[in-house]
Amino acid sequence: MKILVINGPNLNFLGIREKSVYGTQDYQYLLDLIARKGEREGVEINVFQSNHEGAIIDRLQEAYYDGTDGVVINPGAFTHYSYAIRDALASVFVPKVEIHISDITQREEFRKISVTAPVCDKQIYGQGLDGYLQAIDFILQKAQ
């Protein structure tokens, strides 16, 4: 099984930006957490991060062809306005989970709107970095 985790803008600044919102663990900690989960579950997990909308779309389109069985995506700010990423997600016919570290329902009004969630199978928010593990578990369950 092959899972793709996509992180959007500013996720590479975990542990640096807004620690009161996103926590103190850095991006490498998240990568290690995901790698350990893949090892425990015996699945291949590829992680991709970009601050560029087009690069995220390109990677999603690659997933259509490369045997990806599920996608976990934290689109960051693109969640709220990127119809292009939404359309790319809709074109990938595998289980998809949108993830947010913070509780977007308790933040600024614009963060409560997701244009990408309707084309995902599930949305997880407010669970911190553990939300990534929950998303991977959901994809593994869907694959059974």
N, C-alpha and C. Protein backbone atom coordinates (compact mmCIF):
# COMPACT_ATOMS: atom_id res chain seq x y z
N MET A 1 0.85 -1.18 0.00
CA MET A 1 0.00 0.00 0.00
C MET A 1 0.89 1.24 0.00
N LYS A 2 0.41 2.26 -0.69
CA LYS A 2 1.18 3.49 -0.84
C LYS A 2 0.29 4.69 -0.52
N ILE A 3 0.71 5.47 0.49
CA ILE A 3 -0.03 6.66 0.91
C ILE A 3 0.82 7.89 0.66
N LEU A 4 0.17 8.93 0.17
CA LEU A 4 0.82 10.22 -0.06
C LEU A 4 0.31 11.22 0.97
N VAL A 5 1.23 11.87 1.66
CA VAL A 5 0.90 12.96 2.58
C VAL A 5 1.40 14.25 1.94
N ILE A 6 0.49 15.19 1.75
CA ILE A 6 0.84 16.48 1.17
C ILE A 6 0.65 17.57 2.22
N ASN A 7 1.67 18.37 2.40
CA ASN A 7 1.60 19.52 3.29
C ASN A 7 1.77 20.79 2.48
N GLY A 8 0.86 21.72 2.69
CA GLY A 8 0.87 22.96 1.94
C GLY A 8 1.72 24.04 2.59
N PRO A 9 1.40 25.28 2.26
CA PRO A 9 2.23 26.42 2.66
C PRO A 9 2.42 26.54 4.17
N ASN A 10 3.64 26.83 4.52
CA ASN A 10 4.07 27.14 5.88
C ASN A 10 4.13 25.94 6.83
N LEU A 11 3.72 24.75 6.37
CA LEU A 11 3.81 23.59 7.25
C LEU A 11 5.26 23.26 7.56
N ASN A 12 6.16 23.60 6.66
CA ASN A 12 7.59 23.38 6.91
C ASN A 12 8.10 24.28 8.04
N PHE A 13 7.29 25.24 8.48
CA PHE A 13 7.67 26.13 9.58
C PHE A 13 7.04 25.72 10.92
N LEU A 14 6.61 24.46 11.00
CA LEU A 14 6.11 23.96 12.29
C LEU A 14 7.20 24.14 13.34
N GLY A 15 6.80 24.51 14.53
CA GLY A 15 7.74 24.74 15.62
C GLY A 15 8.37 26.12 15.57
N ILE A 16 8.13 26.84 14.50
CA ILE A 16 8.65 28.19 14.34
C ILE A 16 7.51 29.20 14.40
N ARG A 17 6.46 28.94 13.61
CA ARG A 17 5.36 29.90 13.50
C ARG A 17 4.23 29.58 14.48
N GLU A 18 3.68 30.59 15.06
CA GLU A 18 2.49 30.50 15.92
C GLU A 18 2.45 29.23 16.77
N LYS A 19 3.42 29.11 17.65
CA LYS A 19 3.53 27.92 18.49
C LYS A 19 2.29 27.70 19.35
N SER A 20 1.62 28.77 19.72
CA SER A 20 0.40 28.63 20.54
C SER A 20 -0.73 27.98 19.74
N VAL A 21 -0.65 28.03 18.43
CA VAL A 21 -1.68 27.44 17.56
C VAL A 21 -1.24 26.07 17.07
N TYR A 22 0.00 25.96 16.61
CA TYR A 22 0.47 24.75 15.92
C TYR A 22 1.41 23.88 16.75
N GLY A 23 1.76 24.32 17.95
CA GLY A 23 2.62 23.52 18.81
C GLY A 23 4.09 23.82 18.63
N THR A 24 4.89 23.15 19.42
CA THR A 24 6.33 23.42 19.44
C THR A 24 7.15 22.37 18.67
N GLN A 25 6.51 21.28 18.26
CA GLN A 25 7.24 20.26 17.50
C GLN A 25 7.54 20.79 16.11
N ASP A 26 8.74 20.51 15.61
CA ASP A 26 9.11 21.03 14.30
C ASP A 26 8.71 20.07 13.17
N TYR A 27 8.96 20.50 11.95
CA TYR A 27 8.55 19.72 10.78
C TYR A 27 9.24 18.36 10.74
N GLN A 28 10.50 18.32 11.13
CA GLN A 28 11.21 17.03 11.14
C GLN A 28 10.55 16.06 12.10
N TYR A 29 10.05 16.55 13.22
CA TYR A 29 9.32 15.70 14.16
C TYR A 29 8.11 15.08 13.46
N LEU A 30 7.36 15.90 12.70
CA LEU A 30 6.20 15.37 11.97
C LEU A 30 6.62 14.32 10.96
N LEU A 31 7.69 14.59 10.22
CA LEU A 31 8.17 13.61 9.24
C LEU A 31 8.55 12.29 9.91
N ASP A 32 9.21 12.38 11.05
CA ASP A 32 9.60 11.17 11.78
C ASP A 32 8.37 10.42 12.30
N LEU A 33 7.38 11.16 12.79
CA LEU A 33 6.13 10.57 13.28
C LEU A 33 5.44 9.78 12.17
N ILE A 34 5.38 10.37 11.00
CA ILE A 34 4.74 9.72 9.86
C ILE A 34 5.56 8.51 9.40
N ALA A 35 6.87 8.63 9.38
CA ALA A 35 7.74 7.51 8.96
C ALA A 35 7.58 6.33 9.92
N ARG A 36 7.54 6.61 11.21
CA ARG A 36 7.35 5.52 12.20
C ARG A 36 6.01 4.84 12.01
N LYS A 37 4.98 5.61 11.70
CA LYS A 37 3.65 5.04 11.46
C LYS A 37 3.69 4.12 10.25
N GLY A 38 4.35 4.55 9.20
CA GLY A 38 4.48 3.72 8.01
C GLY A 38 5.19 2.41 8.29
N GLU A 39 6.27 2.49 9.07
CA GLU A 39 7.01 1.28 9.44
C GLU A 39 6.15 0.33 10.26
N ARG A 40 5.44 0.88 11.25
CA ARG A 40 4.57 0.04 12.10
C ARG A 40 3.48 -0.65 11.29
N GLU A 41 2.92 0.06 10.34
CA GLU A 41 1.79 -0.47 9.57
C GLU A 41 2.24 -1.25 8.33
N GLY A 42 3.53 -1.17 8.01
CA GLY A 42 4.04 -1.87 6.84
C GLY A 42 3.56 -1.27 5.52
N VAL A 43 3.43 0.06 5.51
CA VAL A 43 2.99 0.76 4.30
C VAL A 43 4.02 1.79 3.90
N GLU A 44 4.06 2.08 2.61
CA GLU A 44 4.94 3.12 2.09
C GLU A 44 4.21 4.45 2.20
N ILE A 45 4.83 5.40 2.89
CA ILE A 45 4.24 6.73 3.02
C ILE A 45 5.23 7.74 2.47
N ASN A 46 4.80 8.45 1.44
CA ASN A 46 5.61 9.51 0.84
C ASN A 46 5.06 10.85 1.30
N VAL A 47 5.95 11.73 1.72
CA VAL A 47 5.54 13.06 2.18
C VAL A 47 6.07 14.11 1.22
N PHE A 48 5.19 15.02 0.86
CA PHE A 48 5.54 16.11 -0.05
C PHE A 48 5.07 17.41 0.59
N GLN A 49 5.92 18.42 0.56
CA GLN A 49 5.55 19.74 1.09
C GLN A 49 5.91 20.79 0.07
N SER A 50 4.99 21.74 -0.14
CA SER A 50 5.30 22.86 -1.01
C SER A 50 4.52 24.08 -0.56
N ASN A 51 5.14 25.23 -0.78
CA ASN A 51 4.47 26.51 -0.55
C ASN A 51 3.82 27.02 -1.82
N HIS A 52 3.83 26.20 -2.88
CA HIS A 52 3.37 26.63 -4.19
C HIS A 52 2.18 25.79 -4.65
N GLU A 53 1.12 26.48 -4.98
CA GLU A 53 -0.12 25.81 -5.40
C GLU A 53 0.09 24.87 -6.57
N GLY A 54 0.79 25.33 -7.60
CA GLY A 54 1.00 24.51 -8.79
C GLY A 54 1.78 23.23 -8.50
N ALA A 55 2.75 23.30 -7.60
CA ALA A 55 3.53 22.11 -7.25
C ALA A 55 2.64 21.07 -6.55
N ILE A 56 1.73 21.54 -5.73
CA ILE A 56 0.79 20.63 -5.04
C ILE A 56 -0.12 19.96 -6.07
N ILE A 57 -0.61 20.74 -7.01
CA ILE A 57 -1.46 20.19 -8.07
C ILE A 57 -0.68 19.18 -8.90
N ASP A 58 0.55 19.51 -9.26
CA ASP A 58 1.38 18.57 -10.01
C ASP A 58 1.55 17.26 -9.25
N ARG A 59 1.79 17.35 -7.95
CA ARG A 59 2.01 16.12 -7.16
C ARG A 59 0.72 15.29 -7.06
N LEU A 60 -0.41 15.97 -6.92
CA LEU A 60 -1.69 15.24 -6.91
C LEU A 60 -1.92 14.53 -8.24
N GLN A 61 -1.60 15.19 -9.33
CA GLN A 61 -1.77 14.56 -10.63
C GLN A 61 -0.83 13.37 -10.80
N GLU A 62 0.38 13.49 -10.28
CA GLU A 62 1.32 12.36 -10.28
C GLU A 62 0.73 11.17 -9.54
N ALA A 63 0.03 11.45 -8.44
CA ALA A 63 -0.55 10.38 -7.62
C ALA A 63 -1.56 9.55 -8.42
N TYR A 64 -2.17 10.17 -9.39
CA TYR A 64 -3.12 9.45 -10.24
C TYR A 64 -2.44 8.29 -10.98
N TYR A 65 -1.16 8.51 -11.33
CA TYR A 65 -0.43 7.53 -12.14
C TYR A 65 0.54 6.65 -11.37
N ASP A 66 0.95 7.03 -10.17
CA ASP A 66 2.07 6.34 -9.52
C ASP A 66 1.68 5.24 -8.53
N GLY A 67 0.42 4.85 -8.52
CA GLY A 67 0.02 3.76 -7.65
C GLY A 67 -0.34 4.18 -6.24
N THR A 68 -0.54 5.46 -6.02
CA THR A 68 -0.95 5.95 -4.70
C THR A 68 -2.32 5.39 -4.36
N ASP A 69 -2.44 4.86 -3.13
CA ASP A 69 -3.70 4.24 -2.68
C ASP A 69 -4.53 5.15 -1.78
N GLY A 70 -3.95 6.25 -1.31
CA GLY A 70 -4.67 7.17 -0.44
C GLY A 70 -3.88 8.45 -0.27
N VAL A 71 -4.60 9.54 -0.02
CA VAL A 71 -3.97 10.85 0.13
C VAL A 71 -4.41 11.49 1.43
N VAL A 72 -3.43 11.96 2.20
CA VAL A 72 -3.66 12.82 3.35
C VAL A 72 -3.15 14.19 2.95
N ILE A 73 -3.99 15.22 3.08
CA ILE A 73 -3.56 16.54 2.65
C ILE A 73 -3.89 17.59 3.70
N ASN A 74 -2.89 18.38 4.02
CA ASN A 74 -3.08 19.59 4.82
C ASN A 74 -2.79 20.73 3.85
N PRO A 75 -3.84 21.28 3.23
CA PRO A 75 -3.61 22.31 2.22
C PRO A 75 -3.21 23.66 2.78
N GLY A 76 -3.15 23.79 4.11
CA GLY A 76 -2.83 25.08 4.70
C GLY A 76 -3.84 26.11 4.25
N ALA A 77 -3.37 27.31 3.98
CA ALA A 77 -4.26 28.41 3.58
C ALA A 77 -4.98 28.12 2.26
N PHE A 78 -4.43 27.24 1.41
CA PHE A 78 -5.11 26.90 0.17
C PHE A 78 -6.47 26.26 0.41
N THR A 79 -6.67 25.71 1.61
CA THR A 79 -7.95 25.10 1.99
C THR A 79 -9.11 26.02 1.68
N HIS A 80 -8.90 27.31 1.90
CA HIS A 80 -10.00 28.26 1.93
C HIS A 80 -10.32 28.88 0.58
N TYR A 81 -9.44 28.69 -0.41
CA TYR A 81 -9.72 29.37 -1.67
C TYR A 81 -9.19 28.69 -2.93
N SER A 82 -8.49 27.59 -2.81
CA SER A 82 -7.89 27.00 -4.01
C SER A 82 -8.83 26.00 -4.68
N TYR A 83 -9.59 26.51 -5.62
CA TYR A 83 -10.44 25.63 -6.41
C TYR A 83 -9.61 24.75 -7.33
N ALA A 84 -8.41 25.20 -7.65
CA ALA A 84 -7.51 24.40 -8.49
C ALA A 84 -7.06 23.14 -7.73
N ILE A 85 -6.70 23.28 -6.46
CA ILE A 85 -6.34 22.09 -5.66
C ILE A 85 -7.57 21.23 -5.44
N ARG A 86 -8.72 21.86 -5.22
CA ARG A 86 -9.97 21.11 -5.07
C ARG A 86 -10.21 20.23 -6.30
N ASP A 87 -10.05 20.82 -7.49
CA ASP A 87 -10.29 20.07 -8.71
C ASP A 87 -9.27 18.94 -8.89
N ALA A 88 -8.03 19.18 -8.51
CA ALA A 88 -7.01 18.13 -8.60
C ALA A 88 -7.35 16.98 -7.64
N LEU A 89 -7.79 17.32 -6.44
CA LEU A 89 -8.21 16.28 -5.48
C LEU A 89 -9.37 15.46 -6.05
N ALA A 90 -10.32 16.14 -6.67
CA ALA A 90 -11.49 15.45 -7.23
C ALA A 90 -11.10 14.49 -8.35
N SER A 91 -9.94 14.70 -8.96
CA SER A 91 -9.49 13.86 -10.06
C SER A 91 -8.74 12.62 -9.61
N VAL A 92 -8.42 12.54 -8.33
CA VAL A 92 -7.68 11.40 -7.80
C VAL A 92 -8.68 10.50 -7.08
N PHE A 93 -8.93 9.32 -7.66
CA PHE A 93 -10.01 8.45 -7.18
C PHE A 93 -9.52 7.44 -6.15
N VAL A 94 -8.96 7.95 -5.06
CA VAL A 94 -8.53 7.13 -3.92
C VAL A 94 -9.08 7.80 -2.67
N PRO A 95 -9.09 7.11 -1.54
CA PRO A 95 -9.52 7.77 -0.30
C PRO A 95 -8.63 8.98 0.00
N LYS A 96 -9.27 10.07 0.42
CA LYS A 96 -8.56 11.32 0.70
C LYS A 96 -9.06 11.88 2.03
N VAL A 97 -8.10 12.36 2.83
CA VAL A 97 -8.44 12.98 4.12
C VAL A 97 -7.78 14.35 4.17
N GLU A 98 -8.60 15.36 4.46
CA GLU A 98 -8.08 16.71 4.70
C GLU A 98 -7.78 16.83 6.19
N ILE A 99 -6.60 17.31 6.50
CA ILE A 99 -6.14 17.41 7.89
C ILE A 99 -5.76 18.84 8.22
N HIS A 100 -6.09 19.24 9.45
CA HIS A 100 -5.65 20.54 9.98
C HIS A 100 -5.20 20.32 11.42
N ILE A 101 -4.07 20.86 11.76
CA ILE A 101 -3.50 20.70 13.10
C ILE A 101 -4.36 21.41 14.13
N SER A 102 -4.76 22.64 13.81
CA SER A 102 -5.58 23.42 14.74
C SER A 102 -7.06 23.15 14.50
N ASP A 103 -7.89 23.62 15.41
CA ASP A 103 -9.33 23.50 15.26
C ASP A 103 -9.81 24.70 14.45
N ILE A 104 -9.94 24.48 13.16
CA ILE A 104 -10.30 25.58 12.25
C ILE A 104 -11.69 26.14 12.54
N THR A 105 -12.53 25.39 13.23
CA THR A 105 -13.87 25.89 13.55
C THR A 105 -13.86 26.91 14.68
N GLN A 106 -12.74 27.00 15.37
CA GLN A 106 -12.63 27.92 16.51
C GLN A 106 -11.70 29.09 16.21
N ARG A 107 -11.39 29.28 14.95
CA ARG A 107 -10.45 30.34 14.57
C ARG A 107 -11.15 31.42 13.76
N GLU A 108 -10.40 32.19 13.00
CA GLU A 108 -10.98 33.27 12.21
C GLU A 108 -12.05 32.73 11.26
N GLU A 109 -12.99 33.60 10.92
CA GLU A 109 -14.12 33.19 10.07
C GLU A 109 -13.66 32.55 8.76
N PHE A 110 -12.66 33.13 8.11
CA PHE A 110 -12.24 32.60 6.80
C PHE A 110 -11.71 31.18 6.91
N ARG A 111 -11.19 30.80 8.07
CA ARG A 111 -10.63 29.45 8.24
C ARG A 111 -11.71 28.38 8.37
N LYS A 112 -12.93 28.79 8.62
CA LYS A 112 -14.03 27.84 8.78
C LYS A 112 -14.54 27.32 7.45
N ILE A 113 -14.11 27.94 6.36
CA ILE A 113 -14.56 27.56 5.02
C ILE A 113 -13.48 26.71 4.36
N SER A 114 -13.88 25.54 3.90
CA SER A 114 -12.96 24.68 3.16
C SER A 114 -13.58 24.38 1.80
N VAL A 115 -12.87 24.76 0.76
CA VAL A 115 -13.33 24.41 -0.59
C VAL A 115 -12.83 23.02 -0.99
N THR A 116 -11.88 22.48 -0.22
CA THR A 116 -11.30 21.18 -0.56
C THR A 116 -11.98 20.01 0.17
N ALA A 117 -12.56 20.25 1.34
CA ALA A 117 -13.18 19.18 2.11
C ALA A 117 -14.29 18.43 1.36
N PRO A 118 -15.12 19.09 0.57
CA PRO A 118 -16.19 18.36 -0.11
C PRO A 118 -15.72 17.27 -1.08
N VAL A 119 -14.48 17.33 -1.53
CA VAL A 119 -13.98 16.29 -2.43
C VAL A 119 -13.08 15.29 -1.70
N CYS A 120 -13.05 15.39 -0.37
CA CYS A 120 -12.32 14.44 0.46
C CYS A 120 -13.33 13.53 1.16
N ASP A 121 -12.86 12.38 1.60
CA ASP A 121 -13.73 11.43 2.29
C ASP A 121 -13.92 11.79 3.75
N LYS A 122 -12.99 12.56 4.29
CA LYS A 122 -13.04 12.90 5.71
C LYS A 122 -12.23 14.16 5.93
N GLN A 123 -12.60 14.90 6.98
CA GLN A 123 -11.84 16.07 7.41
C GLN A 123 -11.53 15.89 8.90
N ILE A 124 -10.27 16.07 9.26
CA ILE A 124 -9.84 15.97 10.66
C ILE A 124 -9.20 17.29 11.03
N TYR A 125 -9.61 17.86 12.15
CA TYR A 125 -9.02 19.12 12.61
C TYR A 125 -8.99 19.15 14.13
N GLY A 126 -8.05 19.94 14.65
CA GLY A 126 -7.97 20.14 16.09
C GLY A 126 -7.35 19.00 16.86
N GLN A 127 -6.72 18.07 16.19
CA GLN A 127 -6.11 16.92 16.86
C GLN A 127 -4.59 17.02 16.93
N GLY A 128 -4.06 18.18 16.59
CA GLY A 128 -2.61 18.34 16.58
C GLY A 128 -2.00 17.43 15.53
N LEU A 129 -0.75 17.06 15.75
CA LEU A 129 -0.06 16.20 14.80
C LEU A 129 -0.65 14.79 14.77
N ASP A 130 -1.31 14.40 15.85
CA ASP A 130 -1.95 13.07 15.88
C ASP A 130 -3.02 12.94 14.80
N GLY A 131 -3.55 14.06 14.33
CA GLY A 131 -4.52 14.01 13.26
C GLY A 131 -3.98 13.33 12.01
N TYR A 132 -2.69 13.48 11.76
CA TYR A 132 -2.08 12.80 10.62
C TYR A 132 -2.18 11.28 10.79
N LEU A 133 -1.92 10.81 12.01
CA LEU A 133 -1.99 9.37 12.27
C LEU A 133 -3.43 8.87 12.13
N GLN A 134 -4.38 9.67 12.59
CA GLN A 134 -5.80 9.31 12.45
C GLN A 134 -6.18 9.24 10.97
N ALA A 135 -5.66 10.17 10.18
CA ALA A 135 -5.95 10.18 8.75
C ALA A 135 -5.39 8.94 8.06
N ILE A 136 -4.18 8.57 8.43
CA ILE A 136 -3.56 7.37 7.86
C ILE A 136 -4.38 6.14 8.25
N ASP A 137 -4.81 6.07 9.51
CA ASP A 137 -5.65 4.95 9.95
C ASP A 137 -6.94 4.87 9.14
N PHE A 138 -7.54 6.02 8.89
CA PHE A 138 -8.79 6.04 8.10
C PHE A 138 -8.53 5.46 6.70
N ILE A 139 -7.45 5.87 6.08
CA ILE A 139 -7.13 5.36 4.73
C ILE A 139 -6.88 3.85 4.78
N LEU A 140 -6.16 3.39 5.79
CA LEU A 140 -5.91 1.96 5.93
C LEU A 140 -7.21 1.18 6.09
N GLN A 141 -8.14 1.72 6.87
CA GLN A 141 -9.43 1.06 7.06
C GLN A 141 -10.24 1.03 5.77
N LYS A 142 -10.19 2.13 4.99
CA LYS A 142 -10.92 2.18 3.73
C LYS A 142 -10.37 1.16 2.72
N ALA A 143 -9.09 0.86 2.85
CA ALA A 143 -8.44 -0.04 1.89
C ALA A 143 -8.76 -1.50 2.16
N GLN A 144 -9.28 -1.79 3.33
CA GLN A 144 -9.55 -3.20 3.68
C GLN A 144 -10.75 -3.75 2.94
